[in-house]
Amino acid sequence: MKYFTVALWVILSVLAIGGRGVVADPQERGSIRGGVMHAAPGWFKESFLEIKDDVDEAAEANKHVLLFFQLNGCPYCDRMLREAFETDPLMSYIKTNFDVIAINVRGDRDVAFNEEVSVTEKELSELLKVRATPGVLFLNADNKPVARVDGYRSPERFGKILRYVSSKAYATKKLSEYLDENRGLAVYTLRSNPMFKEVTDLAAVTGPLAVIFEDRSCDDCNEFHDEVLSNLGVKKELQVFTLVRLDADSTEDIIDPEGNKTSPKAWARELEMTYRPGVVMYADGELLRRYDSLLFTHHFKEGFRWISSGSYKHEDYQAYSERRTEELLSAGTDINLGR
């Protein structure tokens, strides 16, 4: 019997190798790719994470504290660290005007954020609702948040945000207003796309609605069109949406999804959109999701799929994302988090 069992295993193995499918290989699990490990620059402050003490030290040097929330393997963190924190002129400007402290959104180090809040890095990230990395939080001399950036910003736009904080313009105006008033040079010509619909009454749209805000100072809009909107997977999920592109500089009349008369410029300010291209998504008359930072193809697509698949009706995006990730990996599909 022993020899029969061995012989049978050999025969089945040969048949399988011969392609007759008698012995099927188990489904190979997909992998997550595109993540980039990037340590915080060595010049970031070595903090004991007693944030009030850090703020006091910064104030004495006429600086602000900048909390940099990061995630290991985050491709957006890698890009922003390389472009803004490790490259002049921004690196020198940040060193001069800010004390930068790295916070790991999944970390276990204790953080005394203020007299009332003493938690782990992960708990602080959850408390502050850090949903996108990198997350940047600026604190004034009273240890109060005065500006926040969720996700990647180009060096040009991030430089304006840095000047907004260092000049203390936050005392008189919102960040979205400041960015509108301190526009850079025109670097982009608004591009057409067959998926865009010419709609001025957004309240009359039935079904899912997505609105893209662009303007002529958009540093990332060409990349957005070439690498994201052209992706076949993205196009598939956008099919059920009415997709509208608005010029965020325009003062022409439109009706927003709530039925209010406004303009693209005024509406973008009301929504406090600080990134271009910015995207807002609606279904059932409700604002469900917004993209106010750079997203590569996978994350961009899955946000739309959460709505197009109807998953938003029974699970929040975090639950959907976890379930969808496992679904793809179990099916042997690789997930590329990068470009």
Protein backbone atom coordinates (compact mmCIF):
# COMPACT_ATOMS: atom_id res chain seq x y z
CA MET A 1 0.00 0.00 0.00
CA LYS A 2 2.89 2.33 0.82
CA TYR A 3 4.38 1.91 -2.68
CA PHE A 4 0.97 2.25 -4.32
CA THR A 5 0.40 5.57 -2.57
CA VAL A 6 3.78 6.91 -3.66
CA ALA A 7 3.28 5.70 -7.23
CA LEU A 8 -0.16 7.29 -7.39
CA TRP A 9 1.28 10.66 -6.18
CA VAL A 10 3.95 10.48 -8.91
CA ILE A 11 1.39 9.73 -11.63
CA LEU A 12 -0.88 12.57 -10.53
CA SER A 13 2.06 14.95 -10.38
CA VAL A 14 3.14 14.05 -13.92
CA LEU A 15 -0.39 14.50 -15.23
CA ALA A 16 -0.63 17.89 -13.56
CA ILE A 17 2.68 19.00 -15.06
CA GLY A 18 1.47 17.75 -18.41
CA GLY A 19 -1.34 20.28 -18.24
CA ARG A 20 -4.24 17.82 -17.93
CA GLY A 21 -5.46 19.51 -14.76
CA VAL A 22 -5.79 16.41 -12.63
CA VAL A 23 -4.03 18.21 -9.75
CA ALA A 24 -4.88 21.93 -9.64
CA ASP A 25 -2.52 24.43 -8.09
CA PRO A 26 -4.11 26.43 -5.29
CA GLN A 27 -5.02 30.04 -6.13
CA GLU A 28 -1.94 32.19 -5.76
CA ARG A 29 -2.69 35.14 -3.51
CA GLY A 30 -2.23 38.60 -4.94
CA SER A 31 0.26 41.04 -3.48
CA ILE A 32 0.27 44.72 -2.58
CA ARG A 33 2.86 46.67 -4.52
CA GLY A 34 3.87 50.27 -5.01
CA GLY A 35 4.52 51.08 -1.36
CA VAL A 36 7.70 52.99 -0.63
CA MET A 37 9.55 52.88 2.67
CA HIS A 38 10.89 56.33 3.49
CA ALA A 39 12.30 57.29 6.88
CA ALA A 40 11.72 60.79 8.18
CA PRO A 41 14.65 63.13 7.42
CA GLY A 42 17.31 63.22 10.09
CA TRP A 43 16.77 66.93 10.70
CA PHE A 44 13.20 66.42 11.95
CA LYS A 45 13.02 67.25 15.64
CA GLU A 46 13.84 64.50 18.11
CA SER A 47 10.82 65.09 20.29
CA PHE A 48 9.79 63.50 23.57
CA LEU A 49 6.25 63.98 22.18
CA GLU A 50 5.32 66.44 24.89
CA ILE A 51 3.74 68.65 22.27
CA LYS A 52 3.03 71.64 24.52
CA ASP A 53 6.74 71.79 25.39
CA ASP A 54 7.62 71.53 21.70
CA VAL A 55 5.24 74.39 20.90
CA ASP A 56 6.77 76.57 23.63
CA GLU A 57 10.28 75.94 22.31
CA ALA A 58 9.19 76.71 18.76
CA ALA A 59 7.45 79.93 19.82
CA GLU A 60 10.63 81.13 21.53
CA ALA A 61 12.41 80.74 18.19
CA ASN A 62 9.51 82.42 16.33
CA LYS A 63 8.57 79.13 14.71
CA HIS A 64 5.45 76.97 14.39
CA VAL A 65 5.24 73.26 15.11
CA LEU A 66 4.47 71.09 12.10
CA LEU A 67 3.21 67.58 12.87
CA PHE A 68 3.91 65.23 9.96
CA PHE A 69 1.60 62.19 10.13
CA GLN A 70 3.08 59.37 8.07
CA LEU A 71 2.54 55.70 7.32
CA ASN A 72 5.24 53.17 6.56
CA GLY A 73 5.17 52.31 2.87
CA CYS A 74 3.01 55.31 1.92
CA PRO A 75 3.92 56.36 -1.66
CA TYR A 76 2.42 59.82 -1.14
CA CYS A 77 4.58 60.38 1.95
CA ASP A 78 7.65 59.35 -0.01
CA ARG A 79 6.89 61.76 -2.82
CA MET A 80 6.18 64.71 -0.56
CA LEU A 81 9.22 64.07 1.63
CA ARG A 82 11.46 63.93 -1.44
CA GLU A 83 10.00 66.98 -3.15
CA ALA A 84 9.30 69.31 -0.23
CA PHE A 85 11.22 68.24 2.89
CA GLU A 86 14.45 67.04 1.29
CA THR A 87 14.83 69.48 -1.59
CA ASP A 88 15.55 73.19 -1.55
CA PRO A 89 14.22 75.82 -1.51
CA LEU A 90 11.40 74.38 0.65
CA MET A 91 13.66 72.31 2.89
CA SER A 92 15.61 75.38 4.02
CA TYR A 93 12.41 77.39 4.43
CA ILE A 94 10.85 74.68 6.60
CA LYS A 95 13.97 74.38 8.76
CA THR A 96 13.96 78.14 9.33
CA ASN A 97 10.28 78.54 10.17
CA PHE A 98 9.08 75.23 11.59
CA ASP A 99 9.95 72.49 14.05
CA VAL A 100 8.84 69.28 12.34
CA ILE A 101 7.78 66.25 14.37
CA ALA A 102 7.01 62.90 12.73
CA ILE A 103 3.98 60.94 13.95
CA ASN A 104 3.41 57.33 12.85
CA VAL A 105 -0.34 56.88 12.32
CA ARG A 106 0.01 53.26 13.46
CA GLY A 107 2.63 53.94 16.10
CA ASP A 108 2.53 53.04 19.78
CA ARG A 109 4.63 55.86 21.25
CA ASP A 110 2.87 57.95 23.88
CA VAL A 111 1.97 61.50 22.86
CA ALA A 112 0.96 64.21 25.31
CA PHE A 113 -0.88 66.41 22.84
CA ASN A 114 -2.08 68.83 25.52
CA GLU A 115 -3.03 68.76 29.20
CA GLU A 116 -6.25 66.87 28.47
CA VAL A 117 -5.09 64.46 25.76
CA SER A 118 -2.39 61.86 26.33
CA VAL A 119 -2.65 58.95 23.90
CA THR A 120 -0.61 56.79 21.53
CA GLU A 121 0.36 57.99 18.07
CA LYS A 122 -2.30 55.74 16.54
CA GLU A 123 -4.98 57.00 18.93
CA LEU A 124 -4.02 60.61 18.25
CA SER A 125 -4.30 59.99 14.52
CA GLU A 126 -7.75 58.53 15.02
CA LEU A 127 -8.77 61.35 17.34
CA LEU A 128 -7.71 63.95 14.76
CA LYS A 129 -9.35 61.93 11.97
CA VAL A 130 -6.19 61.57 9.92
CA ARG A 131 -7.59 59.65 6.95
CA ALA A 132 -4.92 60.44 4.36
CA THR A 133 -1.16 60.35 4.64
CA PRO A 134 0.86 62.40 4.68
CA GLY A 135 -1.19 64.47 7.08
CA VAL A 136 0.24 67.83 8.09
CA LEU A 137 -1.04 69.74 11.11
CA PHE A 138 0.28 73.20 11.98
CA LEU A 139 0.12 74.45 15.58
CA ASN A 140 0.36 78.05 16.78
CA ALA A 141 1.99 79.35 19.95
CA ASP A 142 -1.14 78.44 21.94
CA ASN A 143 -0.87 74.82 20.80
CA LYS A 144 -3.98 75.22 18.65
CA PRO A 145 -4.31 73.86 15.09
CA VAL A 146 -4.28 76.72 12.59
CA ALA A 147 -4.02 74.82 9.30
CA ARG A 148 -4.23 71.27 8.08
CA VAL A 149 -3.24 69.43 4.93
CA ASP A 150 -4.60 65.96 4.22
CA GLY A 151 -2.49 64.20 1.60
CA TYR A 152 0.19 65.13 -0.89
CA ARG A 153 0.69 68.69 -2.15
CA SER A 154 3.03 69.76 -4.92
CA PRO A 155 6.04 71.85 -3.80
CA GLU A 156 4.50 74.95 -5.38
CA ARG A 157 1.20 74.65 -3.53
CA PHE A 158 2.76 73.42 -0.29
CA GLY A 159 5.10 76.40 -0.35
CA LYS A 160 2.09 78.73 -0.31
CA ILE A 161 0.61 76.81 2.62
CA LEU A 162 3.89 77.16 4.51
CA ARG A 163 3.89 80.92 3.92
CA TYR A 164 0.24 81.13 5.00
CA VAL A 165 1.21 79.68 8.38
CA SER A 166 4.58 81.34 8.88
CA SER A 167 3.09 84.79 8.10
CA LYS A 168 0.20 84.07 10.48
CA ALA A 169 -2.30 84.86 7.76
CA TYR A 170 -4.54 82.30 9.46
CA ALA A 171 -5.46 85.04 11.94
CA THR A 172 -7.55 86.82 9.31
CA LYS A 173 -8.52 84.35 6.59
CA LYS A 174 -9.11 80.72 5.74
CA LEU A 175 -6.48 78.74 3.89
CA SER A 176 -8.72 78.31 0.83
CA GLU A 177 -9.13 82.09 0.58
CA TYR A 178 -5.40 82.68 0.95
CA LEU A 179 -4.57 80.20 -1.79
CA ASP A 180 -7.08 81.85 -4.12
CA GLU A 181 -5.56 85.26 -3.46
CA ASN A 182 -1.98 84.06 -3.87
CA ARG A 183 -2.16 82.22 -7.12
CA GLY A 184 0.89 81.02 -8.95
CA LEU A 185 1.59 81.41 -12.64
CA ALA A 186 -0.68 79.73 -15.15
CA VAL A 187 0.91 76.33 -15.78
CA TYR A 188 -2.09 74.39 -17.10
CA THR A 189 -4.67 74.76 -19.85
CA LEU A 190 -7.96 73.09 -18.97
CA ARG A 191 -8.28 69.93 -21.02
CA SER A 192 -11.43 68.44 -22.48
CA ASN A 193 -12.51 64.85 -21.93
CA PRO A 194 -15.42 62.95 -23.55
CA MET A 195 -16.55 61.83 -20.08
CA PHE A 196 -17.18 65.45 -18.98
CA LYS A 197 -20.77 66.66 -19.14
CA GLU A 198 -21.76 70.29 -19.59
CA VAL A 199 -24.11 70.77 -16.64
CA THR A 200 -24.82 73.99 -14.78
CA ASP A 201 -27.78 72.80 -12.69
CA LEU A 202 -26.19 70.12 -10.52
CA ALA A 203 -29.33 69.77 -8.41
CA ALA A 204 -31.13 68.38 -11.46
CA VAL A 205 -28.70 65.48 -11.87
CA THR A 206 -30.14 62.04 -11.13
CA GLY A 207 -27.87 59.23 -10.04
CA PRO A 208 -24.28 59.56 -8.79
CA LEU A 209 -22.57 62.88 -9.47
CA ALA A 210 -18.85 63.68 -9.46
CA VAL A 211 -17.48 67.20 -9.80
CA ILE A 212 -13.84 67.95 -10.59
CA PHE A 213 -12.38 71.36 -9.74
CA GLU A 214 -9.43 72.49 -11.83
CA ASP A 215 -7.75 75.83 -12.47
CA ARG A 216 -4.88 77.22 -14.49
CA SER A 217 -2.41 77.07 -11.61
CA CYS A 218 -2.94 73.30 -11.23
CA ASP A 219 0.46 71.63 -11.01
CA ASP A 220 -0.95 68.10 -11.02
CA CYS A 221 -3.79 68.30 -13.55
CA ASN A 222 -1.85 67.00 -16.56
CA GLU A 223 -0.70 64.00 -14.55
CA PHE A 224 -4.29 63.50 -13.41
CA HIS A 225 -5.56 63.37 -17.00
CA ASP A 226 -2.69 61.28 -18.37
CA GLU A 227 -2.42 58.68 -15.62
CA VAL A 228 -5.72 58.57 -13.72
CA LEU A 229 -8.61 59.58 -15.97
CA SER A 230 -7.13 57.55 -18.83
CA ASN A 231 -7.03 54.35 -16.77
CA LEU A 232 -9.52 51.72 -17.99
CA GLY A 233 -10.49 50.68 -14.47
CA VAL A 234 -11.22 54.29 -13.53
CA LYS A 235 -13.25 54.80 -16.71
CA LYS A 236 -15.34 51.74 -15.88
CA GLU A 237 -16.31 53.02 -12.44
CA LEU A 238 -17.06 56.51 -13.80
CA GLN A 239 -19.62 55.19 -16.28
CA VAL A 240 -22.50 55.42 -13.79
CA PHE A 241 -21.56 58.97 -12.75
CA THR A 242 -22.47 62.27 -14.28
CA LEU A 243 -18.96 63.69 -14.42
CA VAL A 244 -18.69 67.48 -14.43
CA ARG A 245 -15.48 69.50 -14.61
CA LEU A 246 -15.59 73.07 -13.29
CA ASP A 247 -13.08 75.87 -13.65
CA ALA A 248 -12.51 76.91 -10.04
CA ASP A 249 -11.69 80.44 -11.27
CA SER A 250 -15.06 80.88 -12.92
CA THR A 251 -17.65 83.30 -11.54
CA GLU A 252 -20.41 82.15 -13.90
CA ASP A 253 -23.71 81.08 -12.36
CA ILE A 254 -24.32 77.44 -11.48
CA ILE A 255 -26.72 75.62 -9.17
CA ASP A 256 -24.96 73.41 -6.62
CA PRO A 257 -26.29 69.94 -5.69
CA GLU A 258 -28.28 71.44 -2.78
CA GLY A 259 -30.07 73.81 -5.15
CA ASN A 260 -28.19 76.99 -4.20
CA LYS A 261 -27.23 79.55 -6.83
CA THR A 262 -23.47 80.04 -6.73
CA SER A 263 -20.38 79.95 -8.95
CA PRO A 264 -17.57 77.41 -9.26
CA LYS A 265 -15.19 79.83 -7.53
CA ALA A 266 -17.54 80.52 -4.63
CA TRP A 267 -18.52 76.87 -4.26
CA ALA A 268 -14.89 75.69 -4.18
CA ARG A 269 -14.24 78.21 -1.43
CA GLU A 270 -17.32 77.11 0.49
CA LEU A 271 -16.16 73.51 0.30
CA GLU A 272 -12.68 74.70 1.39
CA MET A 273 -11.03 72.79 -1.44
CA THR A 274 -7.31 73.50 -1.18
CA TYR A 275 -6.02 71.16 -3.88
CA ARG A 276 -6.40 70.99 -7.64
CA PRO A 277 -7.70 68.81 -9.09
CA GLY A 278 -10.19 68.44 -6.26
CA VAL A 279 -13.11 66.03 -6.54
CA VAL A 280 -16.44 65.77 -4.73
CA MET A 281 -18.83 62.83 -5.11
CA TYR A 282 -22.56 62.79 -4.48
CA ALA A 283 -25.26 60.13 -4.43
CA ASP A 284 -28.86 60.40 -3.26
CA GLY A 285 -28.30 64.15 -2.96
CA GLU A 286 -25.62 63.69 -0.29
CA LEU A 287 -21.92 64.52 -0.37
CA LEU A 288 -20.35 61.12 0.26
CA ARG A 289 -16.68 61.54 -0.50
CA ARG A 290 -14.13 64.16 -1.46
CA TYR A 291 -10.62 64.00 -2.85
CA ASP A 292 -8.61 67.05 -1.81
CA SER A 293 -5.15 65.62 -2.46
CA LEU A 294 -3.23 63.63 -5.04
CA LEU A 295 -4.43 60.06 -5.49
CA PHE A 296 -2.90 57.39 -7.67
CA THR A 297 -5.10 55.12 -9.76
CA HIS A 298 -6.03 52.39 -7.28
CA HIS A 299 -7.22 54.66 -4.48
CA PHE A 300 -8.98 56.98 -6.91
CA LYS A 301 -10.83 54.11 -8.59
CA GLU A 302 -11.90 52.39 -5.40
CA GLY A 303 -13.48 55.54 -3.99
CA PHE A 304 -15.74 55.68 -7.02
CA ARG A 305 -16.42 51.94 -6.89
CA TRP A 306 -17.59 52.28 -3.28
CA ILE A 307 -20.41 54.42 -4.67
CA SER A 308 -20.94 52.82 -8.10
CA SER A 309 -21.29 49.34 -6.55
CA GLY A 310 -23.84 50.61 -4.03
CA SER A 311 -21.57 49.60 -1.15
CA TYR A 312 -21.97 53.06 0.43
CA LYS A 313 -25.53 52.10 1.35
CA HIS A 314 -24.48 49.47 3.88
CA GLU A 315 -20.83 50.09 4.86
CA ASP A 316 -18.55 53.05 5.36
CA TYR A 317 -15.55 53.51 3.11
CA GLN A 318 -13.05 52.14 5.63
CA ALA A 319 -14.98 48.88 5.97
CA TYR A 320 -15.43 48.71 2.20
CA SER A 321 -11.73 49.29 1.57
CA GLU A 322 -10.67 46.52 3.96
CA ARG A 323 -13.18 44.07 2.49
CA ARG A 324 -12.33 44.99 -1.09
CA THR A 325 -8.59 44.65 -0.49
CA GLU A 326 -9.03 41.13 0.84
CA GLU A 327 -11.39 40.29 -2.01
CA LEU A 328 -8.83 41.33 -4.63
CA LEU A 329 -5.89 39.63 -2.95
CA SER A 330 -7.83 36.41 -2.41
CA ALA A 331 -8.71 36.37 -6.12
CA GLY A 332 -5.02 36.57 -7.00
CA THR A 333 -5.18 40.21 -8.09
CA ASP A 334 -2.19 42.42 -7.37
CA ILE A 335 -2.84 45.87 -5.93
CA ASN A 336 -0.52 48.67 -7.02
CA LEU A 337 -0.66 51.59 -4.61
CA GLY A 338 1.75 53.68 -6.66
CA ARG A 339 1.54 55.38 -10.02
